[in-house]
PDB file of N, CA and C in Angstrom:
ATOM      1  N   MET A   1      -0.135  -3.099  12.063  1.00  0.00           N
ATOM      2  CA  MET A   1       1.084  -2.614  12.658  1.00  0.00           C
ATOM      3  C   MET A   1       1.575  -3.581  13.732  1.00  0.00           C
ATOM      4  N   SER A   2       0.647  -4.125  14.506  1.00  0.00           N
ATOM      5  CA  SER A   2       1.070  -5.052  15.561  1.00  0.00           C
ATOM      6  C   SER A   2       1.731  -6.287  14.962  1.00  0.00           C
ATOM      7  N   MET A   3       1.283  -6.704  13.772  1.00  0.00           N
ATOM      8  CA  MET A   3       1.884  -7.848  13.108  1.00  0.00           C
ATOM      9  C   MET A   3       3.357  -7.571  12.807  1.00  0.00           C
ATOM     10  N   MET A   4       3.677  -6.355  12.347  1.00  0.00           N
ATOM     11  CA  MET A   4       5.052  -6.006  12.029  1.00  0.00           C
ATOM     12  C   MET A   4       5.901  -5.963  13.305  1.00  0.00           C
ATOM     13  N   LEU A   5       5.323  -5.503  14.411  1.00  0.00           N
ATOM     14  CA  LEU A   5       6.064  -5.423  15.664  1.00  0.00           C
ATOM     15  C   LEU A   5       6.305  -6.800  16.273  1.00  0.00           C
ATOM     16  N   GLN A   6       5.363  -7.732  16.062  1.00  0.00           N
ATOM     17  CA  GLN A   6       5.512  -9.074  16.611  1.00  0.00           C
ATOM     18  C   GLN A   6       6.488  -9.911  15.798  1.00  0.00           C
ATOM     19  N   GLY A   7       6.769  -9.500  14.574  1.00  0.00           N
ATOM     20  CA  GLY A   7       7.756 -10.185  13.756  1.00  0.00           C
ATOM     21  C   GLY A   7       7.166 -10.967  12.611  1.00  0.00           C
ATOM     22  N   LEU A   8       8.029 -11.208  11.633  1.00  0.00           N
ATOM     23  CA  LEU A   8       7.648 -11.954  10.442  1.00  0.00           C
ATOM     24  C   LEU A   8       8.633 -13.083  10.226  1.00  0.00           C
ATOM     25  N   ASN A   9       8.155 -14.177   9.697  1.00  0.00           N
ATOM     26  CA  ASN A   9       8.971 -15.339   9.386  1.00  0.00           C
ATOM     27  C   ASN A   9       9.149 -15.390   7.871  1.00  0.00           C
ATOM     28  N   SER A  10      10.351 -15.084   7.379  1.00  0.00           N
ATOM     29  CA  SER A  10      10.607 -15.118   5.943  1.00  0.00           C
ATOM     30  C   SER A  10      10.528 -16.542   5.439  1.00  0.00           C
ATOM     31  N   THR A  11       9.739 -16.750   4.380  1.00  0.00           N
ATOM     32  CA  THR A  11       9.567 -18.091   3.841  1.00  0.00           C
ATOM     33  C   THR A  11      10.151 -18.246   2.449  1.00  0.00           C
ATOM     34  N   ASN A  12      10.394 -17.120   1.738  1.00  0.00           N
ATOM     35  CA  ASN A  12      10.919 -17.201   0.380  1.00  0.00           C
ATOM     36  C   ASN A  12      11.554 -15.870  -0.006  1.00  0.00           C
ATOM     37  N   VAL A  13      12.664 -15.939  -0.723  1.00  0.00           N
ATOM     38  CA  VAL A  13      13.304 -14.750  -1.281  1.00  0.00           C
ATOM     39  C   VAL A  13      13.490 -15.008  -2.770  1.00  0.00           C
ATOM     40  N   GLU A  14      12.979 -14.111  -3.596  1.00  0.00           N
ATOM     41  CA  GLU A  14      13.034 -14.281  -5.044  1.00  0.00           C
ATOM     42  C   GLU A  14      13.683 -13.058  -5.685  1.00  0.00           C
ATOM     43  N   ASP A  15      14.733 -13.278  -6.495  1.00  0.00           N
ATOM     44  CA  ASP A  15      15.328 -12.181  -7.251  1.00  0.00           C
ATOM     45  C   ASP A  15      14.331 -11.716  -8.300  1.00  0.00           C
ATOM     46  N   MET A  16      14.240 -10.404  -8.488  1.00  0.00           N
ATOM     47  CA  MET A  16      13.358  -9.876  -9.522  1.00  0.00           C
ATOM     48  C   MET A  16      13.784  -8.470  -9.904  1.00  0.00           C
ATOM     49  N   ALA A  17      13.449  -8.076 -11.113  1.00  0.00           N
ATOM     50  CA  ALA A  17      13.710  -6.710 -11.553  1.00  0.00           C
ATOM     51  C   ALA A  17      12.572  -5.835 -11.041  1.00  0.00           C
ATOM     52  N   ILE A  18      12.933  -4.729 -10.392  1.00  0.00           N
ATOM     53  CA  ILE A  18      11.957  -3.773  -9.883  1.00  0.00           C
ATOM     54  C   ILE A  18      12.390  -2.407 -10.386  1.00  0.00           C
ATOM     55  N   ASP A  19      11.525  -1.724 -11.083  1.00  0.00           N
ATOM     56  CA  ASP A  19      11.839  -0.395 -11.615  1.00  0.00           C
ATOM     57  C   ASP A  19      13.088  -0.445 -12.498  1.00  0.00           C
ATOM     58  N   GLY A  20      13.270  -1.570 -13.209  1.00  0.00           N
ATOM     59  CA  GLY A  20      14.413  -1.728 -14.093  1.00  0.00           C
ATOM     60  C   GLY A  20      15.728  -2.012 -13.384  1.00  0.00           C
ATOM     61  N   LYS A  21      15.681  -2.257 -12.097  1.00  0.00           N
ATOM     62  CA  LYS A  21      16.886  -2.510 -11.292  1.00  0.00           C
ATOM     63  C   LYS A  21      16.823  -3.923 -10.718  1.00  0.00           C
ATOM     64  N   ASP A  22      17.990  -4.486 -10.387  1.00  0.00           N
ATOM     65  CA  ASP A  22      18.039  -5.779  -9.711  1.00  0.00           C
ATOM     66  C   ASP A  22      17.547  -5.598  -8.286  1.00  0.00           C
ATOM     67  N   GLY A  23      16.625  -6.423  -7.879  1.00  0.00           N
ATOM     68  CA  GLY A  23      16.095  -6.367  -6.522  1.00  0.00           C
ATOM     69  C   GLY A  23      15.635  -7.742  -6.095  1.00  0.00           C
ATOM     70  N   PHE A  24      14.896  -7.788  -5.007  1.00  0.00           N
ATOM     71  CA  PHE A  24      14.357  -9.062  -4.563  1.00  0.00           C
ATOM     72  C   PHE A  24      13.042  -8.848  -3.841  1.00  0.00           C
ATOM     73  N   LEU A  25      12.255  -9.916  -3.814  1.00  0.00           N
ATOM     74  CA  LEU A  25      10.952  -9.909  -3.148  1.00  0.00           C
ATOM     75  C   LEU A  25      10.968 -10.975  -2.070  1.00  0.00           C
ATOM     76  N   ILE A  26      10.733 -10.560  -0.840  1.00  0.00           N
ATOM     77  CA  ILE A  26      10.675 -11.476   0.300  1.00  0.00           C
ATOM     78  C   ILE A  26       9.208 -11.773   0.595  1.00  0.00           C
ATOM     79  N   THR A  27       8.894 -13.058   0.749  1.00  0.00           N
ATOM     80  CA  THR A  27       7.573 -13.472   1.206  1.00  0.00           C
ATOM     81  C   THR A  27       7.716 -13.877   2.665  1.00  0.00           C
ATOM     82  N   ALA A  28       6.843 -13.347   3.509  1.00  0.00           N
ATOM     83  CA  ALA A  28       6.925 -13.640   4.940  1.00  0.00           C
ATOM     84  C   ALA A  28       5.537 -13.894   5.498  1.00  0.00           C
ATOM     85  N   GLU A  29       5.512 -14.637   6.583  1.00  0.00           N
ATOM     86  CA  GLU A  29       4.275 -14.904   7.313  1.00  0.00           C
ATOM     87  C   GLU A  29       4.420 -14.323   8.715  1.00  0.00           C
ATOM     88  N   PRO A  30       3.340 -13.769   9.245  1.00  0.00           N
ATOM     89  CA  PRO A  30       3.409 -13.276  10.629  1.00  0.00           C
ATOM     90  C   PRO A  30       3.654 -14.440  11.595  1.00  0.00           C
ATOM     91  N   PHE A  31       4.452 -14.210  12.646  1.00  0.00           N
ATOM     92  CA  PHE A  31       4.671 -15.239  13.661  1.00  0.00           C
ATOM     93  C   PHE A  31       3.363 -15.583  14.361  1.00  0.00           C
ATOM     94  N   GLU A  32       2.563 -14.554  14.632  1.00  0.00           N
ATOM     95  CA  GLU A  32       1.263 -14.776  15.264  1.00  0.00           C
ATOM     96  C   GLU A  32       0.192 -14.286  14.306  1.00  0.00           C
ATOM     97  N   ALA A  33      -0.574 -15.222  13.768  1.00  0.00           N
ATOM     98  CA  ALA A  33      -1.617 -14.864  12.807  1.00  0.00           C
ATOM     99  C   ALA A  33      -2.765 -14.145  13.523  1.00  0.00           C
ATOM    100  N   ALA A  34      -3.197 -13.052  12.949  1.00  0.00           N
ATOM    101  CA  ALA A  34      -4.358 -12.320  13.470  1.00  0.00           C
ATOM    102  C   ALA A  34      -5.573 -12.753  12.671  1.00  0.00           C
ATOM    103  N   ALA A  35      -6.709 -12.840  13.336  1.00  0.00           N
ATOM    104  CA  ALA A  35      -7.935 -13.299  12.677  1.00  0.00           C
ATOM    105  C   ALA A  35      -8.275 -12.453  11.463  1.00  0.00           C
ATOM    106  N   ASP A  36      -8.072 -11.145  11.550  1.00  0.00           N
ATOM    107  CA  ASP A  36      -8.423 -10.263  10.442  1.00  0.00           C
ATOM    108  C   ASP A  36      -7.198  -9.796   9.664  1.00  0.00           C
ATOM    109  N   GLY A  37      -6.026 -10.350   9.967  1.00  0.00           N
ATOM    110  CA  GLY A  37      -4.776  -9.923   9.327  1.00  0.00           C
ATOM    111  C   GLY A  37      -4.458 -10.741   8.089  1.00  0.00           C
ATOM    112  N   PRO A  38      -3.502 -10.260   7.300  1.00  0.00           N
ATOM    113  CA  PRO A  38      -3.098 -10.984   6.097  1.00  0.00           C
ATOM    114  C   PRO A  38      -2.301 -12.234   6.443  1.00  0.00           C
ATOM    115  N   SER A  39      -2.357 -13.241   5.554  1.00  0.00           N
ATOM    116  CA  SER A  39      -1.596 -14.463   5.800  1.00  0.00           C
ATOM    117  C   SER A  39      -0.152 -14.316   5.323  1.00  0.00           C
ATOM    118  N   ASN A  40       0.086 -13.418   4.350  1.00  0.00           N
ATOM    119  CA  ASN A  40       1.432 -13.179   3.849  1.00  0.00           C
ATOM    120  C   ASN A  40       1.718 -11.690   3.776  1.00  0.00           C
ATOM    121  N   VAL A  41       2.974 -11.344   3.968  1.00  0.00           N
ATOM    122  CA  VAL A  41       3.455  -9.982   3.808  1.00  0.00           C
ATOM    123  C   VAL A  41       4.592 -10.052   2.802  1.00  0.00           C
ATOM    124  N   TYR A  42       4.600  -9.122   1.851  1.00  0.00           N
ATOM    125  CA  TYR A  42       5.634  -9.091   0.817  1.00  0.00           C
ATOM    126  C   TYR A  42       6.459  -7.832   0.998  1.00  0.00           C
ATOM    127  N   LYS A  43       7.771  -7.985   0.922  1.00  0.00           N
ATOM    128  CA  LYS A  43       8.672  -6.842   1.034  1.00  0.00           C
ATOM    129  C   LYS A  43       9.622  -6.881  -0.151  1.00  0.00           C
ATOM    130  N   ALA A  44       9.577  -5.842  -0.971  1.00  0.00           N
ATOM    131  CA  ALA A  44      10.458  -5.723  -2.129  1.00  0.00           C
ATOM    132  C   ALA A  44      11.523  -4.681  -1.811  1.00  0.00           C
ATOM    133  N   VAL A  45      12.771  -4.958  -2.220  1.00  0.00           N
ATOM    134  CA  VAL A  45      13.886  -4.065  -1.914  1.00  0.00           C
ATOM    135  C   VAL A  45      14.779  -3.960  -3.147  1.00  0.00           C
ATOM    136  N   TYR A  46      15.222  -2.735  -3.457  1.00  0.00           N
ATOM    137  CA  TYR A  46      16.211  -2.521  -4.509  1.00  0.00           C
ATOM    138  C   TYR A  46      16.904  -1.189  -4.282  1.00  0.00           C
ATOM    139  N   TRP A  47      18.040  -0.992  -4.981  1.00  0.00           N
ATOM    140  CA  TRP A  47      18.774   0.268  -4.927  1.00  0.00           C
ATOM    141  C   TRP A  47      18.249   1.173  -6.034  1.00  0.00           C
ATOM    142  N   LEU A  48      17.830   2.377  -5.703  1.00  0.00           N
ATOM    143  CA  LEU A  48      17.342   3.334  -6.701  1.00  0.00           C
ATOM    144  C   LEU A  48      18.476   3.755  -7.635  1.00  0.00           C
ATOM    145  N   ASP A  49      19.682   3.890  -7.101  1.00  0.00           N
ATOM    146  CA  ASP A  49      20.845   4.314  -7.888  1.00  0.00           C
ATOM    147  C   ASP A  49      21.823   3.149  -8.056  1.00  0.00           C
ATOM    148  N   SER A  50      21.277   1.996  -8.389  1.00  0.00           N
ATOM    149  CA  SER A  50      22.035   0.755  -8.467  1.00  0.00           C
ATOM    150  C   SER A  50      23.156   0.805  -9.494  1.00  0.00           C
ATOM    151  N   ILE A  51      24.328   0.301  -9.086  1.00  0.00           N
ATOM    152  CA  ILE A  51      25.444   0.107  -9.999  1.00  0.00           C
ATOM    153  C   ILE A  51      26.019  -1.279  -9.738  1.00  0.00           C
ATOM    154  N   ASP A  52      26.580  -1.892 -10.780  1.00  0.00           N
ATOM    155  CA  ASP A  52      27.208  -3.195 -10.603  1.00  0.00           C
ATOM    156  C   ASP A  52      28.472  -3.045  -9.788  1.00  0.00           C
ATOM    157  N   CYS A  53      28.761  -4.056  -8.996  1.00  0.00           N
ATOM    158  CA  CYS A  53      29.929  -4.031  -8.124  1.00  0.00           C
ATOM    159  C   CYS A  53      30.936  -5.072  -8.586  1.00  0.00           C
ATOM    160  N   GLU A  54      32.208  -4.683  -8.609  1.00  0.00           N
ATOM    161  CA  GLU A  54      33.274  -5.620  -8.965  1.00  0.00           C
ATOM    162  C   GLU A  54      33.492  -6.655  -7.866  1.00  0.00           C
ATOM    163  N   CYS A  55      32.829  -6.468  -6.722  1.00  0.00           N
ATOM    164  CA  CYS A  55      33.019  -7.350  -5.574  1.00  0.00           C
ATOM    165  C   CYS A  55      32.257  -8.665  -5.708  1.00  0.00           C
ATOM    166  N   GLY A  56      31.517  -8.841  -6.780  1.00  0.00           N
ATOM    167  CA  GLY A  56      30.759 -10.071  -6.965  1.00  0.00           C
ATOM    168  C   GLY A  56      29.480  -9.808  -7.739  1.00  0.00           C
ATOM    169  N   PRO A  57      28.623 -10.803  -7.818  1.00  0.00           N
ATOM    170  CA  PRO A  57      27.383 -10.657  -8.593  1.00  0.00           C
ATOM    171  C   PRO A  57      26.303  -9.913  -7.791  1.00  0.00           C
ATOM    172  N   VAL A  58      26.635  -8.701  -7.373  1.00  0.00           N
ATOM    173  CA  VAL A  58      25.709  -7.894  -6.585  1.00  0.00           C
ATOM    174  C   VAL A  58      25.670  -6.480  -7.148  1.00  0.00           C
ATOM    175  N   SER A  59      24.671  -5.749  -6.762  1.00  0.00           N
ATOM    176  CA  SER A  59      24.623  -4.327  -7.089  1.00  0.00           C
ATOM    177  C   SER A  59      24.680  -3.546  -5.787  1.00  0.00           C
ATOM    178  N   VAL A  60      25.122  -2.309  -5.874  1.00  0.00           N
ATOM    179  CA  VAL A  60      25.242  -1.451  -4.702  1.00  0.00           C
ATOM    180  C   VAL A  60      24.649  -0.093  -5.025  1.00  0.00           C
ATOM    181  N   GLY A  61      24.401   0.695  -4.006  1.00  0.00           N
ATOM    182  CA  GLY A  61      23.870   2.028  -4.200  1.00  0.00           C
ATOM    183  C   GLY A  61      23.858   2.784  -2.890  1.00  0.00           C
ATOM    184  N   THR A  62      23.303   3.991  -2.931  1.00  0.00           N
ATOM    185  CA  THR A  62      23.208   4.805  -1.719  1.00  0.00           C
ATOM    186  C   THR A  62      21.768   5.082  -1.321  1.00  0.00           C
ATOM    187  N   THR A  63      20.823   4.827  -2.229  1.00  0.00           N
ATOM    188  CA  THR A  63      19.412   5.085  -1.938  1.00  0.00           C
ATOM    189  C   THR A  63      18.631   3.784  -2.062  1.00  0.00           C
ATOM    190  N   SER A  64      18.237   3.234  -0.926  1.00  0.00           N
ATOM    191  CA  SER A  64      17.491   1.988  -0.889  1.00  0.00           C
ATOM    192  C   SER A  64      15.990   2.274  -0.966  1.00  0.00           C
ATOM    193  N   VAL A  65      15.270   1.460  -1.746  1.00  0.00           N
ATOM    194  CA  VAL A  65      13.818   1.564  -1.827  1.00  0.00           C
ATOM    195  C   VAL A  65      13.241   0.273  -1.270  1.00  0.00           C
ATOM    196  N   THR A  66      12.324   0.389  -0.313  1.00  0.00           N
ATOM    197  CA  THR A  66      11.666  -0.763   0.285  1.00  0.00           C
ATOM    198  C   THR A  66      10.159  -0.577   0.180  1.00  0.00           C
ATOM    199  N   ILE A  67       9.477  -1.562  -0.370  1.00  0.00           N
ATOM    200  CA  ILE A  67       8.024  -1.526  -0.526  1.00  0.00           C
ATOM    201  C   ILE A  67       7.457  -2.715   0.235  1.00  0.00           C
ATOM    202  N   THR A  68       6.493  -2.471   1.095  1.00  0.00           N
ATOM    203  CA  THR A  68       5.833  -3.538   1.848  1.00  0.00           C
ATOM    204  C   THR A  68       4.383  -3.626   1.400  1.00  0.00           C
ATOM    205  N   SER A  69       3.919  -4.856   1.160  1.00  0.00           N
ATOM    206  CA  SER A  69       2.552  -5.059   0.670  1.00  0.00           C
ATOM    207  C   SER A  69       1.892  -6.218   1.394  1.00  0.00           C
ATOM    208  N   THR A  70       0.613  -6.068   1.657  1.00  0.00           N
ATOM    209  CA  THR A  70      -0.187  -7.177   2.180  1.00  0.00           C
ATOM    210  C   THR A  70      -1.248  -7.591   1.157  1.00  0.00           C
ATOM    211  N   TYR A  71      -1.170  -7.027  -0.053  1.00  0.00           N
ATOM    212  CA  TYR A  71      -2.054  -7.471  -1.132  1.00  0.00           C
ATOM    213  C   TYR A  71      -1.648  -8.885  -1.536  1.00  0.00           C
ATOM    214  N   PRO A  72      -2.521  -9.616  -2.234  1.00  0.00           N
ATOM    215  CA  PRO A  72      -2.134 -10.944  -2.738  1.00  0.00           C
ATOM    216  C   PRO A  72      -0.912 -10.840  -3.654  1.00  0.00           C
ATOM    217  N   LEU A  73      -0.198 -11.950  -3.829  1.00  0.00           N
ATOM    218  CA  LEU A  73       1.043 -11.961  -4.595  1.00  0.00           C
ATOM    219  C   LEU A  73       0.858 -11.429  -6.011  1.00  0.00           C
ATOM    220  N   ASP A  74      -0.197 -11.847  -6.708  1.00  0.00           N
ATOM    221  CA  ASP A  74      -0.376 -11.400  -8.088  1.00  0.00           C
ATOM    222  C   ASP A  74      -0.586  -9.890  -8.176  1.00  0.00           C
ATOM    223  N   VAL A  75      -1.304  -9.315  -7.229  1.00  0.00           N
ATOM    224  CA  VAL A  75      -1.517  -7.868  -7.201  1.00  0.00           C
ATOM    225  C   VAL A  75      -0.207  -7.157  -6.862  1.00  0.00           C
ATOM    226  N   THR A  76       0.514  -7.678  -5.881  1.00  0.00           N
ATOM    227  CA  THR A  76       1.804  -7.092  -5.484  1.00  0.00           C
ATOM    228  C   THR A  76       2.777  -7.103  -6.661  1.00  0.00           C
ATOM    229  N   GLU A  77       2.890  -8.230  -7.362  1.00  0.00           N
ATOM    230  CA  GLU A  77       3.793  -8.312  -8.510  1.00  0.00           C
ATOM    231  C   GLU A  77       3.366  -7.353  -9.621  1.00  0.00           C
ATOM    232  N   GLY A  78       2.056  -7.200  -9.828  1.00  0.00           N
ATOM    233  CA  GLY A  78       1.560  -6.248 -10.821  1.00  0.00           C
ATOM    234  C   GLY A  78       1.922  -4.817 -10.467  1.00  0.00           C
ATOM    235  N   LEU A  79       1.780  -4.464  -9.191  1.00  0.00           N
ATOM    236  CA  LEU A  79       2.151  -3.118  -8.749  1.00  0.00           C
ATOM    237  C   LEU A  79       3.649  -2.888  -8.886  1.00  0.00           C
ATOM    238  N   LEU A  80       4.446  -3.891  -8.523  1.00  0.00           N
ATOM    239  CA  LEU A  80       5.903  -3.751  -8.623  1.00  0.00           C
ATOM    240  C   LEU A  80       6.357  -3.626 -10.076  1.00  0.00           C
ATOM    241  N   SER A  81       5.665  -4.308 -10.987  1.00  0.00           N
ATOM    242  CA  SER A  81       6.062  -4.246 -12.400  1.00  0.00           C
ATOM    243  C   SER A  81       5.740  -2.891 -13.021  1.00  0.00           C
ATOM    244  N   SER A  82       4.842  -2.126 -12.399  1.00  0.00           N
ATOM    245  CA  SER A  82       4.489  -0.808 -12.942  1.00  0.00           C
ATOM    246  C   SER A  82       5.127   0.334 -12.161  1.00  0.00           C
ATOM    247  N   LEU A  83       5.952   0.011 -11.179  1.00  0.00           N
ATOM    248  CA  LEU A  83       6.549   1.003 -10.298  1.00  0.00           C
ATOM    249  C   LEU A  83       7.626   1.818 -11.001  1.00  0.00           C
ATOM    250  N   SER A  84       7.620   3.116 -10.753  1.00  0.00           N
ATOM    251  CA  SER A  84       8.689   3.993 -11.235  1.00  0.00           C
ATOM    252  C   SER A  84       8.945   5.037 -10.157  1.00  0.00           C
ATOM    253  N   VAL A  85      10.114   4.958  -9.538  1.00  0.00           N
ATOM    254  CA  VAL A  85      10.487   5.884  -8.473  1.00  0.00           C
ATOM    255  C   VAL A  85      11.534   6.840  -9.024  1.00  0.00           C
ATOM    256  N   VAL A  86      11.345   8.129  -8.780  1.00  0.00           N
ATOM    257  CA  VAL A  86      12.282   9.146  -9.230  1.00  0.00           C
ATOM    258  C   VAL A  86      12.806   9.875  -8.012  1.00  0.00           C
ATOM    259  N   LYS A  87      14.123   9.956  -7.910  1.00  0.00           N
ATOM    260  CA  LYS A  87      14.737  10.641  -6.777  1.00  0.00           C
ATOM    261  C   LYS A  87      14.604  12.146  -6.984  1.00  0.00           C
ATOM    262  N   GLY A  88      14.009  12.811  -6.019  1.00  0.00           N
ATOM    263  CA  GLY A  88      13.847  14.249  -6.081  1.00  0.00           C
ATOM    264  C   GLY A  88      14.861  14.952  -5.206  1.00  0.00           C
ATOM    265  N   GLU A  89      14.741  16.240  -5.141  1.00  0.00           N
ATOM    266  CA  GLU A  89      15.621  17.020  -4.284  1.00  0.00           C
ATOM    267  C   GLU A  89      14.869  17.371  -3.010  1.00  0.00           C
ATOM    268  N   ALA A  90      15.586  17.433  -1.913  1.00  0.00           N
ATOM    269  CA  ALA A  90      14.979  17.791  -0.636  1.00  0.00           C
ATOM    270  C   ALA A  90      14.493  19.226  -0.711  1.00  0.00           C
ATOM    271  N   SER A  91      13.360  19.478  -0.104  1.00  0.00           N
ATOM    272  CA  SER A  91      12.863  20.846  -0.078  1.00  0.00           C
ATOM    273  C   SER A  91      13.719  21.693   0.843  1.00  0.00           C
ATOM    274  N   SER A  92      13.732  22.987   0.593  1.00  0.00           N
ATOM    275  CA  SER A  92      14.518  23.865   1.464  1.00  0.00           C
ATOM    276  C   SER A  92      13.735  24.074   2.749  1.00  0.00           C
ATOM    277  N   MET A  93      14.247  23.510   3.818  1.00  0.00           N
ATOM    278  CA  MET A  93      13.591  23.604   5.122  1.00  0.00           C
ATOM    279  C   MET A  93      14.614  24.076   6.140  1.00  0.00           C
ATOM    280  N   ALA A  94      14.157  24.906   7.038  1.00  0.00           N
ATOM    281  CA  ALA A  94      15.034  25.361   8.115  1.00  0.00           C
ATOM    282  C   ALA A  94      15.185  24.227   9.123  1.00  0.00           C
ATOM    283  N   THR A  95      16.366  24.046   9.661  1.00  0.00           N
ATOM    284  CA  THR A  95      16.623  22.996  10.645  1.00  0.00           C
ATOM    285  C   THR A  95      16.696  23.622  12.028  1.00  0.00           C
ATOM    286  N   ALA A  96      15.921  23.092  12.930  1.00  0.00           N
ATOM    287  CA  ALA A  96      15.937  23.570  14.313  1.00  0.00           C
ATOM    288  C   ALA A  96      17.216  23.096  14.991  1.00  0.00           C
ATOM    289  N   THR A  97      17.547  23.672  16.124  1.00  0.00           N
ATOM    290  CA  THR A  97      18.774  23.328  16.833  1.00  0.00           C
ATOM    291  C   THR A  97      18.759  21.897  17.357  1.00  0.00           C
ATOM    292  N   ASP A  98      17.578  21.304  17.560  1.00  0.00           N
ATOM    293  CA  ASP A  98      17.522  19.925  18.048  1.00  0.00           C
ATOM    294  C   ASP A  98      17.528  18.912  16.908  1.00  0.00           C
ATOM    295  N   GLY A  99      17.721  19.377  15.659  1.00  0.00           N
ATOM    296  CA  GLY A  99      17.788  18.462  14.522  1.00  0.00           C
ATOM    297  C   GLY A  99      16.453  18.216  13.859  1.00  0.00           C
ATOM    298  N   GLN A 100      15.367  18.712  14.429  1.00  0.00           N
ATOM    299  CA  GLN A 100      14.055  18.512  13.837  1.00  0.00           C
ATOM    300  C   GLN A 100      13.852  19.524  12.720  1.00  0.00           C
ATOM    301  N   ASP A 101      13.312  19.062  11.589  1.00  0.00           N
ATOM    302  CA  ASP A 101      13.091  19.957  10.454  1.00  0.00           C
ATOM    303  C   ASP A 101      11.714  20.596  10.519  1.00  0.00           C
ATOM    304  N   PHE A 102      11.674  21.882  10.221  1.00  0.00           N
ATOM    305  CA  PHE A 102      10.429  22.616  10.161  1.00  0.00           C
ATOM    306  C   PHE A 102      10.334  23.307   8.811  1.00  0.00           C
ATOM    307  N   PRO A 103       9.137  23.406   8.222  1.00  0.00           N
ATOM    308  CA  PRO A 103       9.004  24.140   6.975  1.00  0.00           C
ATOM    309  C   PRO A 103       9.219  25.628   7.221  1.00  0.00           C
ATOM    310  N   PRO A 104       9.675  26.369   6.180  1.00  0.00           N
ATOM    311  CA  PRO A 104       9.866  27.819   6.367  1.00  0.00           C
ATOM    312  C   PRO A 104       8.537  28.501   6.649  1.00  0.00           C
ATOM    313  N   ASN A 105       8.581  29.611   7.384  1.00  0.00           N
ATOM    314  CA  ASN A 105       7.360  30.363   7.706  1.00  0.00           C
ATOM    315  C   ASN A 105       6.831  31.094   6.512  1.00  0.00           C
TER     316      ASN A 105
END
């Protein structure tokens, strides 16, 4: 966690299909290497409800999916290639007056 708070230096961005959608995989290195920490951090991002945009060669959506991994690249790519995310419905929860959600009694 401290590595994420201290920051990451992006070293590579690669377009890739994730869950059948256009996405990308960022490779980053921690600014301050920890003796027991990973040397690389991978962050994959895509739109769950991706649609093509007439505004250019991009896709857009309303539900972003972000996956962060410190596994080696080959393991991370294997996990991403088998990923399937399904958008569910929010559970019925009562909302407190301060905006905090609580489960029903």
